[in-house]
Each structure stands twice: as C-alpha cells, then as structure tokens.
Amino acid sequence: MRCAILGGAGFLGRHIGRSMAAEGMAVWSVDRTLPQPGSAPWLAGEVQADCFDLASWWDRVGGADVIVHLASSTVPATASEDPVQDAQTNLVGTLRLLQALRHKGARPRLLFASSGGAVYGRPQFVPLSETHPTLPMGAYGATKLAIEHHLRIEEAQHGLPCRILRLSNPYGEWQQPHGVQGVIAVFAHRALHGQPLDVWGDGSVVRDFVYASDVGRAFVNAARHEGATRIFNIGGGAGHSVNDIIHTLEQLLGQAVERRVFPARPFDPPVNVLDIQRAQDELHWAPTMAFEEGVAMSVQWLRTVP
C-alpha cells in the first residue's frame, strides 16, 4: 500500500509517516519543504511540491492508495487575521485537489485531519461527541468544517472514500516551540530556558492533549477502517489544565517555573475535551501515552532545540 502525506515534513506528518511505515506502507512526503537529510529514514521518498497541485506530485510518488491530508497554511490565530487567505489557500486548494483526483479517475482513500476543538465551537456539553453541534467561532474552524462537507459530497457523488479525524491538541517530539500553537511545546521550551510562562486567567482552563504517536496509530487504523462511519474524534481521553501542564514541568525540571498572569480571555471555554468512544469502538483505537510520560518525552526532545 502506497501512502502520500500532504504536509509530511511537518510535526504531525512525521509521526503519521513513521506509524504508516511501521505497518508496511510505502510512505511518501509531499510538502513545500523537505525533511532534513536522514531525519525521516522511514520514508520511501519525498517530493517538494504544492500539496494541492496533484499534477506536481502524483506521478512522482507513483500514485497513492491513501492520501493523508494535513496540508494547511494557517492556524486559528492567522486564519482569523486573514479569513480570505485561509479560504483561498486551504478550502479552494482542497477543492482543486479533489477535482484533479476526479479528472484522473483516481480514488485513493483520503484521510483528513480536522480540528476537534475548532469545528464544534463553544461546548454545549462535555465531553464533546461527534454529534455535538458544529458552530465554529473562527475562520479556521469554519474552513475545516467546509472541507469536511466537501469530502462528504465528493464521496457521495464521485465515490472518493474519505475518513475525517477531528484531532484535539497533538503534542510531542518535532513540535516546534516558536509558533503560536502548541502550548506544551511553548511552555516546556520557555521553562527549559528560564523564561516566564504566559497564563491567561487562573490556569484552570482545561484542554484535551493527545500524543502525536497516538495520532499516528489513529491514522493507520482509519486507513484500514471498513465501517460506514466517516467522522472520528481523536483525543487524549481526559482533560488537563494549564496548571497541570505547569505542575508537570516543574516536577520534571525539579524547580519552580515563573508565570506572567494576564486577565482571562472571554473567548476561552473553561473546558474542551473530546469523547473518543466512537474511535475506540469502530477504529479499535485508544491513546496509550500517559500525559506525564508524553510531556517528559517532549521535554527531552526540546532540550535539543535552540
């Protein structure tokens, strides 16, 4: 089985690629950037190309039985700053990809990484199941949800098999700490360098974190899933507060961590945790990495990052 990962050079792409290769798949990375030489020995090959331009990579990877769609040019903050760019790049880009597959007559299984936080919006009940209303509060979630709908339509009208994985907050090795996403990586890196951590409110806000290697296994199982269900929550199975993260880092580092406390932000829901029962029942998947162990592994890798 041949697998093409759109965004394969990124943090999640590396974990998913390693998991797919461990199951015997020939994995190709398609990305605007290339992995550092020798840093991804599990890859069958890599192509530097526009992920949404099928003609630029399909023949070079020898076609694909599975496409993992991780390609995104935005995160929630940048999508809200420029929703037009977000839609033009990510939504229209995905539509171009689907149209090209249709014209080629290719029907690989497409696995789409959606957002288990952004597409649901403010929680009406917790944990959030796949049946929770989808009322995004920002452009990022709206675009992810629109792509979900187009995948549903593509399968119904043109037979392209799809699975949608709504991820909580992945973390782990290879997650860069210098961006605007990934609180565990950001906090751990700042703590390692003696820098204060920015906390909004009293630190009681709870979020769902899932280790990236567990996400990789979820994609492997979704690639082989034969049931009728198309949408799955993929999360850590429990919530952890900002205070939990800081306490875990202090235990690992053996010292107190400085905080800079700011007023609570009104748009931050107090709790956001996914219900992963459907994935357990139908994908036969569950997270295996304990939170404390995952944070420890993240810290260990971040010690190598300037």
Protein backbone atom coordinates (compact mmCIF):
# COMPACT_ATOMS: atom_id res chain seq x y z
CA MET A 1 0.00 0.00 0.00
CA ARG A 2 1.38 3.41 -1.00
CA CYS A 3 0.65 6.43 1.20
CA ALA A 4 1.19 10.09 0.29
CA ILE A 5 1.22 12.51 3.23
CA LEU A 6 0.40 16.09 2.27
CA GLY A 7 2.37 18.08 4.82
CA GLY A 8 4.60 15.09 5.51
CA ALA A 9 7.62 17.15 6.55
CA GLY A 10 5.75 18.74 9.45
CA PHE A 11 5.35 17.70 13.06
CA LEU A 12 2.27 15.51 12.64
CA GLY A 13 3.32 14.31 9.20
CA ARG A 14 6.48 12.80 10.62
CA HIS A 15 4.62 10.89 13.33
CA ILE A 16 1.93 9.66 10.96
CA GLY A 17 4.51 8.72 8.35
CA ARG A 18 6.52 6.72 10.85
CA SER A 19 3.38 4.90 12.01
CA MET A 20 2.27 4.12 8.44
CA ALA A 21 5.72 2.82 7.51
CA ALA A 22 5.83 0.63 10.62
CA GLU A 23 2.70 -1.07 9.26
CA GLY A 24 4.39 -1.87 5.97
CA MET A 25 3.20 1.03 3.83
CA ALA A 26 5.44 2.81 1.34
CA VAL A 27 5.23 6.38 2.63
CA TRP A 28 5.94 9.49 0.59
CA SER A 29 6.12 13.01 1.98
CA VAL A 30 4.66 15.77 -0.19
CA ASP A 31 5.45 19.20 1.21
CA ARG A 32 6.75 22.62 0.30
CA THR A 33 9.80 21.80 2.40
CA LEU A 34 11.93 18.66 2.61
CA PRO A 35 12.87 16.82 5.80
CA GLN A 36 16.48 17.21 6.89
CA PRO A 37 18.57 14.54 5.16
CA GLY A 38 18.43 11.32 7.15
CA SER A 39 15.87 12.65 9.65
CA ALA A 40 12.99 10.53 8.35
CA PRO A 41 14.50 7.15 7.42
CA TRP A 42 11.05 5.54 7.23
CA LEU A 43 10.14 7.48 4.08
CA ALA A 44 10.14 5.77 0.71
CA GLY A 45 10.70 9.21 -0.78
CA GLU A 46 9.81 12.87 -0.64
CA VAL A 47 8.59 15.42 -3.15
CA GLN A 48 8.90 19.17 -2.77
CA ALA A 49 5.68 20.49 -4.29
CA ASP A 50 2.42 22.33 -3.74
CA CYS A 51 0.33 19.73 -1.93
CA PHE A 52 -2.86 20.89 -3.64
CA ASP A 53 -1.37 20.65 -7.15
CA LEU A 54 -1.90 16.96 -7.87
CA ALA A 55 -0.08 17.12 -11.21
CA SER A 56 3.12 18.25 -9.49
CA TRP A 57 3.48 15.14 -7.33
CA TRP A 58 1.09 12.27 -8.23
CA ASP A 59 3.25 10.61 -10.88
CA ARG A 60 6.45 11.31 -8.94
CA VAL A 61 5.22 9.25 -5.98
CA GLY A 62 3.80 6.55 -8.25
CA GLY A 63 0.20 7.32 -7.30
CA ALA A 64 -1.29 6.60 -3.89
CA ASP A 65 -3.69 4.18 -2.27
CA VAL A 66 -4.02 6.50 0.75
CA ILE A 67 -3.68 10.29 0.94
CA VAL A 68 -3.25 11.85 4.36
CA HIS A 69 -4.37 15.48 4.12
CA LEU A 70 -2.51 17.53 6.73
CA ALA A 71 -1.82 20.47 4.43
CA SER A 72 -2.79 23.80 5.97
CA SER A 73 -1.26 27.24 5.64
CA THR A 74 -2.93 28.63 8.78
CA VAL A 75 -3.55 28.14 12.49
CA PRO A 76 -6.59 29.58 14.30
CA ALA A 77 -4.95 32.94 15.00
CA THR A 78 -3.68 33.56 11.48
CA ALA A 79 -6.92 32.32 9.91
CA SER A 80 -8.89 34.90 11.90
CA GLU A 81 -6.48 37.64 10.87
CA ASP A 82 -6.98 36.85 7.17
CA PRO A 83 -10.01 34.60 6.58
CA VAL A 84 -9.95 35.32 2.85
CA GLN A 85 -6.43 33.93 2.55
CA ASP A 86 -7.37 30.96 4.73
CA ALA A 87 -10.31 30.06 2.50
CA GLN A 88 -8.47 30.70 -0.75
CA THR A 89 -5.49 28.58 0.22
CA ASN A 90 -6.95 25.73 2.25
CA LEU A 91 -10.57 25.37 1.13
CA VAL A 92 -10.08 26.22 -2.54
CA GLY A 93 -6.82 24.27 -2.54
CA THR A 94 -8.61 21.16 -1.28
CA LEU A 95 -11.31 21.60 -3.92
CA ARG A 96 -8.61 21.78 -6.58
CA LEU A 97 -7.12 18.56 -5.24
CA LEU A 98 -10.48 16.77 -5.28
CA GLN A 99 -11.23 17.98 -8.79
CA ALA A 100 -7.86 16.76 -10.04
CA LEU A 101 -8.37 13.31 -8.49
CA ARG A 102 -11.79 13.16 -10.14
CA HIS A 103 -10.40 14.08 -13.57
CA LYS A 104 -7.64 11.49 -13.18
CA GLY A 105 -10.17 8.85 -12.23
CA ALA A 106 -8.20 8.10 -9.06
CA ARG A 107 -10.00 7.09 -5.88
CA PRO A 108 -7.46 6.73 -3.09
CA ARG A 109 -8.73 6.76 0.47
CA LEU A 110 -8.39 10.35 1.73
CA LEU A 111 -7.81 10.87 5.46
CA PHE A 112 -8.40 14.47 6.54
CA ALA A 113 -7.03 16.00 9.73
CA SER A 114 -9.82 18.23 11.01
CA SER A 115 -10.00 20.06 14.34
CA GLY A 116 -11.85 18.62 17.32
CA GLY A 117 -11.90 21.98 19.02
CA ALA A 118 -12.45 24.49 16.25
CA VAL A 119 -15.32 22.81 14.37
CA TYR A 120 -17.51 22.39 17.47
CA GLY A 121 -17.19 25.91 18.83
CA ARG A 122 -18.24 26.67 22.39
CA PRO A 123 -19.04 23.37 24.13
CA GLN A 124 -22.72 22.76 24.88
CA PHE A 125 -21.81 19.58 26.72
CA VAL A 126 -18.56 17.86 27.71
CA PRO A 127 -17.02 15.62 26.57
CA LEU A 128 -17.83 16.63 23.01
CA SER A 129 -19.04 13.74 20.88
CA GLU A 130 -19.17 13.71 17.09
CA THR A 131 -22.88 14.53 17.36
CA HIS A 132 -22.20 17.84 19.13
CA PRO A 133 -23.42 20.84 17.09
CA THR A 134 -20.76 22.25 14.77
CA LEU A 135 -20.76 26.02 15.32
CA PRO A 136 -17.22 27.28 14.70
CA MET A 137 -16.27 30.52 16.42
CA GLY A 138 -13.49 31.41 13.98
CA ALA A 139 -12.39 31.19 10.37
CA TYR A 140 -10.08 28.22 11.00
CA GLY A 141 -12.91 26.00 12.23
CA ALA A 142 -15.26 27.23 9.51
CA THR A 143 -12.78 26.26 6.81
CA LYS A 144 -12.13 22.85 8.38
CA LEU A 145 -15.87 22.21 8.57
CA ALA A 146 -16.40 23.33 4.98
CA ILE A 147 -13.70 20.89 3.83
CA GLU A 148 -15.44 18.12 5.80
CA HIS A 149 -18.69 18.84 3.94
CA HIS A 150 -16.98 18.85 0.56
CA LEU A 151 -15.36 15.49 1.33
CA ARG A 152 -18.78 14.10 2.23
CA ILE A 153 -20.17 15.40 -1.07
CA GLU A 154 -17.19 14.06 -3.03
CA GLU A 155 -17.69 10.57 -1.64
CA ALA A 156 -21.45 10.64 -2.18
CA GLN A 157 -21.28 11.95 -5.75
CA HIS A 158 -17.97 10.60 -7.06
CA GLY A 159 -17.04 7.65 -4.84
CA LEU A 160 -13.87 9.03 -3.25
CA PRO A 161 -13.54 7.16 0.08
CA CYS A 162 -12.86 9.56 2.95
CA ARG A 163 -12.35 9.48 6.69
CA ILE A 164 -12.27 12.62 8.86
CA LEU A 165 -10.26 12.66 12.07
CA ARG A 166 -11.13 15.53 14.39
CA LEU A 167 -7.98 15.96 16.45
CA SER A 168 -7.73 17.56 19.87
CA ASN A 169 -4.33 19.15 20.68
CA PRO A 170 -1.46 16.97 19.45
CA TYR A 171 1.92 17.36 21.12
CA GLY A 172 5.25 15.58 21.19
CA GLU A 173 8.70 15.46 19.66
CA TRP A 174 9.27 17.52 16.50
CA GLN A 175 6.67 20.11 17.53
CA GLN A 176 8.43 23.43 17.15
CA PRO A 177 8.11 25.76 20.16
CA HIS A 178 8.45 29.08 18.40
CA GLY A 179 4.99 29.37 16.84
CA VAL A 180 1.59 30.45 18.13
CA GLN A 181 0.27 26.91 18.61
CA GLY A 182 1.25 24.03 20.86
CA VAL A 183 1.10 25.19 24.47
CA ILE A 184 3.04 22.20 25.82
CA ALA A 185 5.96 22.75 23.45
CA VAL A 186 5.94 26.51 24.05
CA PHE A 187 5.75 26.19 27.83
CA ALA A 188 8.36 23.44 28.01
CA HIS A 189 10.84 25.30 25.83
CA ARG A 190 10.42 28.54 27.80
CA ALA A 191 10.77 26.69 31.09
CA LEU A 192 13.95 25.00 29.90
CA HIS A 193 15.42 28.42 29.10
CA GLY A 194 14.34 30.09 32.33
CA GLN A 195 11.72 32.26 30.65
CA PRO A 196 8.31 33.05 32.20
CA LEU A 197 5.13 31.36 31.01
CA ASP A 198 2.16 33.50 29.98
CA VAL A 199 -1.01 32.36 31.75
CA TRP A 200 -4.42 33.83 30.92
CA GLY A 201 -6.63 33.76 34.00
CA ASP A 202 -6.06 31.41 36.92
CA GLY A 203 -4.73 28.49 34.88
CA SER A 204 -7.84 26.38 35.35
CA VAL A 205 -8.76 26.22 31.64
CA VAL A 206 -8.86 22.53 30.63
CA ARG A 207 -7.94 21.19 27.21
CA ASP A 208 -7.55 17.77 25.61
CA PHE A 209 -3.99 16.74 24.65
CA VAL A 210 -3.05 13.67 22.62
CA TYR A 211 0.48 12.47 21.99
CA ALA A 212 1.42 12.58 18.32
CA SER A 213 2.46 8.93 18.08
CA ASP A 214 -1.06 8.01 19.22
CA VAL A 215 -2.40 10.21 16.42
CA GLY A 216 -0.21 8.27 14.01
CA ARG A 217 -1.81 4.99 15.08
CA ALA A 218 -5.27 6.50 14.63
CA PHE A 219 -4.48 7.34 11.01
CA VAL A 220 -3.19 3.82 10.41
CA ASN A 221 -6.45 2.38 11.71
CA ALA A 222 -8.51 4.89 9.71
CA ALA A 223 -6.66 3.83 6.55
CA ARG A 224 -7.96 0.29 7.08
CA HIS A 225 -11.39 1.05 8.51
CA GLU A 226 -14.23 -0.66 6.66
CA GLY A 227 -17.30 0.58 8.54
CA ALA A 228 -19.87 3.14 7.48
CA THR A 229 -18.78 5.88 9.90
CA ARG A 230 -16.78 8.74 8.46
CA ILE A 231 -16.01 11.14 11.34
CA PHE A 232 -13.96 10.29 14.42
CA ASN A 233 -12.78 12.31 17.41
CA ILE A 234 -9.13 11.63 18.25
CA GLY A 235 -8.10 12.90 21.67
CA GLY A 236 -6.26 12.04 24.83
CA GLY A 237 -9.26 10.65 26.66
CA ALA A 238 -9.02 13.17 29.52
CA GLY A 239 -8.56 16.88 30.10
CA HIS A 240 -5.57 18.68 31.62
CA SER A 241 -5.50 22.27 32.81
CA VAL A 242 -2.82 24.88 32.21
CA ASN A 243 -1.91 24.43 35.88
CA ASP A 244 -1.49 20.68 35.26
CA ILE A 245 0.98 21.40 32.47
CA ILE A 246 3.00 23.78 34.62
CA HIS A 247 2.99 21.40 37.61
CA THR A 248 4.18 18.53 35.39
CA LEU A 249 7.00 20.67 34.00
CA GLU A 250 8.05 21.72 37.50
CA GLN A 251 8.16 18.08 38.58
CA LEU A 252 10.26 17.14 35.56
CA LEU A 253 12.67 20.06 35.90
CA GLY A 254 12.87 19.93 39.69
CA GLN A 255 12.28 23.65 40.06
CA ALA A 256 9.55 26.26 40.13
CA VAL A 257 8.56 27.90 36.85
CA GLU A 258 7.90 31.64 36.67
CA ARG A 259 4.47 32.75 35.44
CA ARG A 260 3.19 36.01 33.98
CA VAL A 261 -0.53 36.18 34.71
CA PHE A 262 -2.91 38.11 32.46
CA PRO A 263 -6.70 38.59 32.66
CA ALA A 264 -8.77 35.64 31.49
CA ARG A 265 -9.86 35.80 27.85
CA PRO A 266 -13.64 35.71 27.33
CA PHE A 267 -13.39 33.52 24.21
CA ASP A 268 -11.61 30.67 26.02
CA PRO A 269 -14.13 27.95 27.00
CA PRO A 270 -13.35 26.69 30.52
CA VAL A 271 -13.33 23.04 29.37
CA ASN A 272 -12.88 21.40 25.97
CA VAL A 273 -12.45 17.61 25.99
CA LEU A 274 -13.37 15.16 23.22
CA ASP A 275 -15.42 11.99 23.58
CA ILE A 276 -13.34 9.29 21.86
CA GLN A 277 -15.68 6.35 22.40
CA ARG A 278 -16.54 6.09 18.70
CA ALA A 279 -12.87 5.75 17.76
CA GLN A 280 -12.44 3.12 20.44
CA ASP A 281 -15.44 1.14 19.23
CA GLU A 282 -15.05 1.43 15.47
CA LEU A 283 -11.37 2.19 14.80
CA HIS A 284 -10.27 -0.06 17.67
CA TRP A 285 -8.01 2.78 18.74
CA ALA A 286 -7.26 4.38 22.08
CA PRO A 287 -4.43 6.62 23.27
CA THR A 288 -1.66 4.78 25.09
CA MET A 289 0.75 7.56 26.05
CA ALA A 290 0.28 8.80 29.63
CA PHE A 291 0.23 12.59 29.84
CA GLU A 292 3.20 12.87 32.21
CA GLU A 293 5.27 10.48 30.09
CA GLY A 294 4.41 12.36 26.91
CA VAL A 295 5.41 15.69 28.43
CA ALA A 296 8.67 14.14 29.62
CA MET A 297 9.44 12.90 26.10
CA SER A 298 8.62 16.35 24.70
CA VAL A 299 10.97 17.99 27.19
CA GLN A 300 13.72 15.53 26.32
CA TRP A 301 13.45 16.39 22.62
CA LEU A 302 13.13 20.13 23.26
CA ARG A 303 16.49 20.09 25.06
CA THR A 304 17.99 19.76 21.56
CA VAL A 305 16.14 22.82 20.21
CA PRO A 306 17.82 26.23 20.47
